[in-house]
């Protein structure tokens, strides 16, 4: 038998093959988090965590996507979509709360799955989290860009940013102008990234100010908009089920049960962000009490 083959067989006999489902012990996770060279300074309080969760929920997704859910999926019964999404969020929130208090380590679902289900599942979920936050950040950046243009044109009565500089290369206007780069979206993402680099305590303070502003806006909209509600616009409450194709060639289920469930999915996407609280558990002063 060749020497190389003997070495390979001996190596496999002496060292067991690592399982893709091997779990990371909690003792090792805690040891890594308590390492003075790697550990994060715990600066967040319970109020900071609440503000972080609210900041992740109330945002461009809630202000923009919920209107799309009503127009494209459920109609007036979008409120039922909210209830379905709320039930899903509540169950997910309870799971996150239990795991975050038991395993107060950064990493969110990646860390929890690594400790409970193994390396392969953790690897898949880790990439899912990257996709989730990338899509979420892109959505918020694009919405901020649209808000900025509306502010410049409708409030300040200035000239709007050129279409090519506030849209992606995959978009084309009705006039045939191709997008090049969404500069406002790039700017806001870069600015918030620099804020995060500056430190968690400063980020939490700015987030608190933004949350106060957003909650005030939501309350203001409810108070002012309540008097403009017309019952006839909510009839029928659950429109008849139908399927239509929008201008982009995307098929939508409108009305009926499928419309409500579709709206719930859109609304749930607007609420994505509360899981960031579990990631911040490692930076909380006493996560088990919150």
Protein backbone atom coordinates (compact mmCIF):
# COMPACT_ATOMS: atom_id res chain seq x y z
CA UNK A 1 0.00 0.00 0.00
CA UNK A 2 1.47 3.40 -0.93
CA UNK A 3 2.76 5.46 1.97
CA UNK A 4 0.41 8.39 1.19
CA UNK A 5 -2.69 6.15 1.31
CA UNK A 6 -1.52 4.67 4.63
CA UNK A 7 -1.15 8.18 6.06
CA UNK A 8 -4.65 9.14 4.92
CA UNK A 9 -6.24 6.02 6.43
CA UNK A 10 -4.28 6.43 9.67
CA UNK A 11 -5.31 10.07 9.94
CA UNK A 12 -9.01 9.24 9.50
CA UNK A 13 -8.75 6.46 12.10
CA UNK A 14 -6.93 8.64 14.62
CA UNK A 15 -9.05 11.78 14.19
CA UNK A 16 -12.84 11.38 14.02
CA UNK A 17 -14.57 13.16 11.15
CA UNK A 18 -16.30 16.35 12.31
CA UNK A 19 -20.06 16.09 12.03
CA UNK A 20 -21.95 18.81 10.20
CA UNK A 21 -24.42 18.70 13.06
CA UNK A 22 -21.90 19.17 15.84
CA UNK A 23 -23.15 21.66 18.44
CA UNK A 24 -21.17 24.42 20.10
CA UNK A 25 -21.28 23.96 23.89
CA UNK A 26 -22.73 26.79 25.94
CA UNK A 27 -19.62 26.77 28.12
CA UNK A 28 -17.51 27.60 25.06
CA UNK A 29 -19.90 30.35 23.96
CA UNK A 30 -19.82 31.96 27.39
CA UNK A 31 -16.05 31.61 27.61
CA UNK A 32 -15.62 33.41 24.29
CA UNK A 33 -18.00 36.21 25.30
CA UNK A 34 -16.23 36.68 28.65
CA UNK A 35 -12.79 36.86 27.06
CA UNK A 36 -11.43 40.29 27.97
CA UNK A 37 -9.82 40.60 24.57
CA UNK A 38 -13.04 39.89 22.66
CA UNK A 39 -15.85 40.82 25.02
CA UNK A 40 -18.07 43.82 24.38
CA UNK A 41 -18.58 46.51 27.00
CA UNK A 42 -22.10 46.13 28.38
CA UNK A 43 -23.67 49.59 28.10
CA UNK A 44 -27.31 49.03 27.09
CA UNK A 45 -30.17 49.25 29.58
CA UNK A 46 -33.64 47.75 29.34
CA UNK A 47 -34.98 51.02 27.97
CA UNK A 48 -32.32 50.95 25.24
CA UNK A 49 -33.37 47.42 24.26
CA UNK A 50 -37.04 48.41 24.09
CA UNK A 51 -36.16 51.42 21.94
CA UNK A 52 -34.04 49.21 19.70
CA UNK A 53 -36.94 46.83 19.16
CA UNK A 54 -39.43 49.62 18.53
CA UNK A 55 -36.95 51.30 16.18
CA UNK A 56 -36.65 48.10 14.18
CA UNK A 57 -40.43 47.71 13.92
CA UNK A 58 -41.59 51.28 13.25
CA UNK A 59 -39.87 52.46 10.12
CA UNK A 60 -40.01 52.56 6.37
CA UNK A 61 -41.54 49.08 6.29
CA UNK A 62 -44.49 50.15 8.43
CA UNK A 63 -44.97 53.50 6.69
CA UNK A 64 -44.60 52.17 3.13
CA UNK A 65 -45.18 48.42 2.85
CA UNK A 66 -48.46 48.37 4.80
CA UNK A 67 -50.05 50.64 2.20
CA UNK A 68 -48.83 48.24 -0.48
CA UNK A 69 -50.36 45.34 1.48
CA UNK A 70 -53.75 47.07 1.45
CA UNK A 71 -53.56 48.03 -2.23
CA UNK A 72 -52.13 44.79 -3.62
CA UNK A 73 -53.36 42.07 -1.28
CA UNK A 74 -56.09 42.58 1.28
CA UNK A 75 -57.90 45.85 0.74
CA UNK A 76 -59.81 46.93 3.89
CA UNK A 77 -59.13 43.52 5.51
CA UNK A 78 -55.48 44.49 5.87
CA UNK A 79 -56.35 44.87 9.56
CA UNK A 80 -56.85 41.10 9.70
CA UNK A 81 -53.44 40.74 8.07
CA UNK A 82 -52.04 42.82 10.92
CA UNK A 83 -53.64 40.48 13.46
CA UNK A 84 -52.20 37.37 11.76
CA UNK A 85 -48.77 39.00 11.54
CA UNK A 86 -49.03 40.10 15.19
CA UNK A 87 -49.67 36.51 16.31
CA UNK A 88 -46.62 35.31 14.37
CA UNK A 89 -44.50 38.16 15.75
CA UNK A 90 -45.64 37.46 19.31
CA UNK A 91 -44.71 33.77 19.08
CA UNK A 92 -41.36 34.58 17.48
CA UNK A 93 -40.74 37.30 20.08
CA UNK A 94 -41.36 34.87 22.96
CA UNK A 95 -38.88 32.40 21.44
CA UNK A 96 -36.28 35.14 20.98
CA UNK A 97 -36.84 36.40 24.54
CA UNK A 98 -36.31 32.94 26.02
CA UNK A 99 -33.18 32.22 23.99
CA UNK A 100 -31.70 35.70 24.44
CA UNK A 101 -32.01 35.49 28.23
CA UNK A 102 -30.58 31.95 28.30
CA UNK A 103 -27.82 32.57 25.74
CA UNK A 104 -27.02 36.32 25.94
CA UNK A 105 -24.45 36.12 23.15
CA UNK A 106 -24.27 38.16 19.93
CA UNK A 107 -25.31 36.32 16.80
CA UNK A 108 -29.08 36.02 17.20
CA UNK A 109 -30.58 32.96 15.51
CA UNK A 110 -27.14 31.88 14.24
CA UNK A 111 -25.83 31.43 17.79
CA UNK A 112 -29.03 29.76 19.03
CA UNK A 113 -29.09 27.25 16.19
CA UNK A 114 -25.34 26.54 16.61
CA UNK A 115 -25.95 25.69 20.27
CA UNK A 116 -29.09 23.62 19.70
CA UNK A 117 -29.19 22.19 16.17
CA UNK A 118 -25.61 22.06 14.92
CA UNK A 119 -23.13 23.65 12.58
CA UNK A 120 -24.88 23.01 9.24
CA UNK A 121 -28.19 24.56 10.36
CA UNK A 122 -26.30 27.47 11.91
CA UNK A 123 -24.40 28.05 8.66
CA UNK A 124 -27.68 28.16 6.68
CA UNK A 125 -29.38 30.46 9.19
CA UNK A 126 -26.31 32.70 9.34
CA UNK A 127 -26.50 33.36 5.61
CA UNK A 128 -30.28 33.81 5.89
CA UNK A 129 -29.66 36.53 8.49
CA UNK A 130 -27.19 38.27 6.19
CA UNK A 131 -29.79 38.18 3.40
CA UNK A 132 -32.51 39.43 5.76
CA UNK A 133 -30.53 42.42 7.00
CA UNK A 134 -29.20 43.22 3.53
CA UNK A 135 -32.71 43.29 2.05
CA UNK A 136 -34.02 45.22 5.07
CA UNK A 137 -31.26 47.83 4.85
CA UNK A 138 -31.80 48.20 1.09
CA UNK A 139 -35.55 48.66 1.58
CA UNK A 140 -35.04 51.34 4.24
CA UNK A 141 -32.40 53.11 2.15
CA UNK A 142 -34.64 53.20 -0.94
CA UNK A 143 -37.63 54.41 1.09
CA UNK A 144 -35.48 57.16 2.63
CA UNK A 145 -34.42 58.21 -0.86
CA UNK A 146 -38.07 58.50 -1.95
CA UNK A 147 -38.96 60.49 1.16
CA UNK A 148 -36.07 62.87 0.49
CA UNK A 149 -37.28 63.57 -3.04
CA UNK A 150 -40.81 64.16 -1.77
CA UNK A 151 -39.44 66.58 0.82
CA UNK A 152 -37.41 68.49 -1.76
CA UNK A 153 -40.27 68.78 -4.27
CA UNK A 154 -43.49 68.96 -2.24
CA UNK A 155 -42.32 70.76 0.92
CA UNK A 156 -39.25 72.81 0.05
CA UNK A 157 -40.28 73.26 -3.61
CA UNK A 158 -36.75 72.57 -4.80
CA UNK A 159 -35.64 70.60 -7.81
CA UNK A 160 -35.84 66.84 -7.42
CA UNK A 161 -32.75 64.65 -7.60
CA UNK A 162 -32.29 63.29 -11.12
CA UNK A 163 -33.91 59.91 -11.75
CA UNK A 164 -30.58 58.33 -12.66
CA UNK A 165 -29.08 59.33 -9.28
CA UNK A 166 -31.89 58.04 -7.07
CA UNK A 167 -32.63 54.71 -8.74
CA UNK A 168 -30.74 51.49 -9.37
CA UNK A 169 -29.39 50.43 -12.80
CA UNK A 170 -32.25 47.90 -13.01
CA UNK A 171 -34.92 50.61 -13.09
CA UNK A 172 -36.12 52.69 -16.06
CA UNK A 173 -38.45 55.68 -15.86
CA UNK A 174 -41.50 56.17 -18.07
CA UNK A 175 -39.42 58.67 -20.06
CA UNK A 176 -36.79 56.02 -20.76
CA UNK A 177 -34.16 57.31 -18.27
CA UNK A 178 -32.03 54.50 -16.84
CA UNK A 179 -31.03 54.55 -13.21
CA UNK A 180 -27.31 54.63 -12.41
CA UNK A 181 -26.91 54.80 -8.63
CA UNK A 182 -29.20 55.58 -5.72
CA UNK A 183 -26.98 58.17 -4.05
CA UNK A 184 -29.37 59.16 -1.20
CA UNK A 185 -29.80 55.50 -0.21
CA UNK A 186 -26.03 54.98 -0.32
CA UNK A 187 -25.51 58.11 1.77
CA UNK A 188 -27.92 57.17 4.57
CA UNK A 189 -26.59 53.60 4.82
CA UNK A 190 -22.99 54.87 4.95
CA UNK A 191 -23.92 57.49 7.57
CA UNK A 192 -25.62 54.96 9.84
CA UNK A 193 -22.70 52.55 9.38
CA UNK A 194 -20.32 55.25 10.63
CA UNK A 195 -22.62 55.84 13.60
CA UNK A 196 -22.51 52.15 14.48
CA UNK A 197 -18.72 52.13 14.18
CA UNK A 198 -18.55 55.05 16.62
CA UNK A 199 -20.03 52.95 19.40
CA UNK A 200 -23.09 51.20 20.78
CA UNK A 201 -23.87 53.83 23.41
CA UNK A 202 -23.94 56.67 20.88
CA UNK A 203 -25.99 54.54 18.47
CA UNK A 204 -28.50 53.76 21.22
CA UNK A 205 -28.86 57.46 22.06
CA UNK A 206 -29.52 58.46 18.44
CA UNK A 207 -31.89 55.51 18.04
CA UNK A 208 -33.83 56.71 21.10
CA UNK A 209 -34.32 60.15 19.56
CA UNK A 210 -35.47 58.64 16.27
CA UNK A 211 -37.89 56.28 18.06
CA UNK A 212 -39.48 59.20 19.94
CA UNK A 213 -39.95 61.00 16.62
CA UNK A 214 -41.43 57.98 14.86
CA UNK A 215 -43.84 57.11 17.66
CA UNK A 216 -44.98 60.74 17.75
CA UNK A 217 -45.62 60.63 13.99
CA UNK A 218 -47.67 57.43 14.29
CA UNK A 219 -49.79 58.88 17.10
CA UNK A 220 -50.24 62.10 15.13
CA UNK A 221 -51.40 60.20 12.04
CA UNK A 222 -53.92 58.21 14.10
CA UNK A 223 -55.31 61.31 15.82
CA UNK A 224 -55.59 63.39 12.65
CA UNK A 225 -56.57 60.58 10.29
CA UNK A 226 -59.34 59.21 12.52
CA UNK A 227 -61.74 61.93 11.39
CA UNK A 228 -61.15 61.16 7.70
CA UNK A 229 -62.27 57.53 7.90
CA UNK A 230 -65.28 56.67 5.71
CA UNK A 231 -67.16 53.43 6.47
CA UNK A 232 -68.24 53.06 2.84
CA UNK A 233 -64.58 52.58 1.85
CA UNK A 234 -64.50 49.46 4.03
CA UNK A 235 -67.36 47.74 2.22
CA UNK A 236 -66.95 44.91 1.42
CA UNK A 237 -64.55 44.40 4.31
CA UNK A 238 -63.11 41.25 2.71
CA UNK A 239 -63.10 41.71 -1.09
CA UNK A 240 -63.81 38.75 -3.36
CA UNK A 241 -60.73 36.70 -4.15
CA UNK A 242 -59.08 37.52 -7.46
CA UNK A 243 -55.67 37.40 -9.11
CA UNK A 244 -54.13 40.22 -11.11
CA UNK A 245 -50.78 41.06 -12.68
CA UNK A 246 -49.22 44.47 -11.98
CA UNK A 247 -47.23 46.65 -14.39
CA UNK A 248 -44.03 44.80 -13.49
CA UNK A 249 -45.51 41.44 -14.44
CA UNK A 250 -45.82 40.23 -10.84
CA UNK A 251 -48.91 38.21 -9.96
CA UNK A 252 -50.85 39.14 -6.80
CA UNK A 253 -53.65 37.44 -4.88
CA UNK A 254 -56.13 40.14 -3.91
CA UNK A 255 -58.99 39.62 -1.47
CA UNK A 256 -60.16 36.45 0.22
CA UNK A 257 -58.05 34.36 2.58
CA UNK A 258 -55.00 34.39 0.28
CA UNK A 259 -55.10 38.18 0.14
CA UNK A 260 -55.18 38.42 3.93
CA UNK A 261 -52.29 35.97 4.29
CA UNK A 262 -50.36 37.84 1.60
CA UNK A 263 -50.89 41.09 3.48
CA UNK A 264 -49.77 39.38 6.70
CA UNK A 265 -46.53 38.36 5.00
CA UNK A 266 -45.90 41.91 3.81
CA UNK A 267 -46.73 43.34 7.23
CA UNK A 268 -44.50 40.78 8.94
CA UNK A 269 -41.62 41.91 6.71
CA UNK A 270 -42.29 45.45 7.97
CA UNK A 271 -41.86 44.16 11.54
CA UNK A 272 -38.55 42.41 10.83
CA UNK A 273 -35.98 43.95 13.12
CA UNK A 274 -37.20 42.94 16.56
CA UNK A 275 -34.73 40.06 16.46
CA UNK A 276 -31.97 42.68 16.63
CA UNK A 277 -32.80 42.97 20.33
CA UNK A 278 -31.56 39.42 20.92
CA UNK A 279 -28.29 40.22 19.15
CA UNK A 280 -27.85 43.21 21.47
CA UNK A 281 -28.28 40.99 24.54
CA UNK A 282 -24.50 40.59 24.82
CA UNK A 283 -24.22 44.36 25.15
CA UNK A 284 -26.98 44.68 27.78
CA UNK A 285 -26.02 45.21 31.41
CA UNK A 286 -28.33 42.47 32.72
CA UNK A 287 -30.20 40.78 29.85
CA UNK A 288 -32.02 38.23 32.03
CA UNK A 289 -33.96 41.00 33.76
CA UNK A 290 -35.30 42.36 30.48
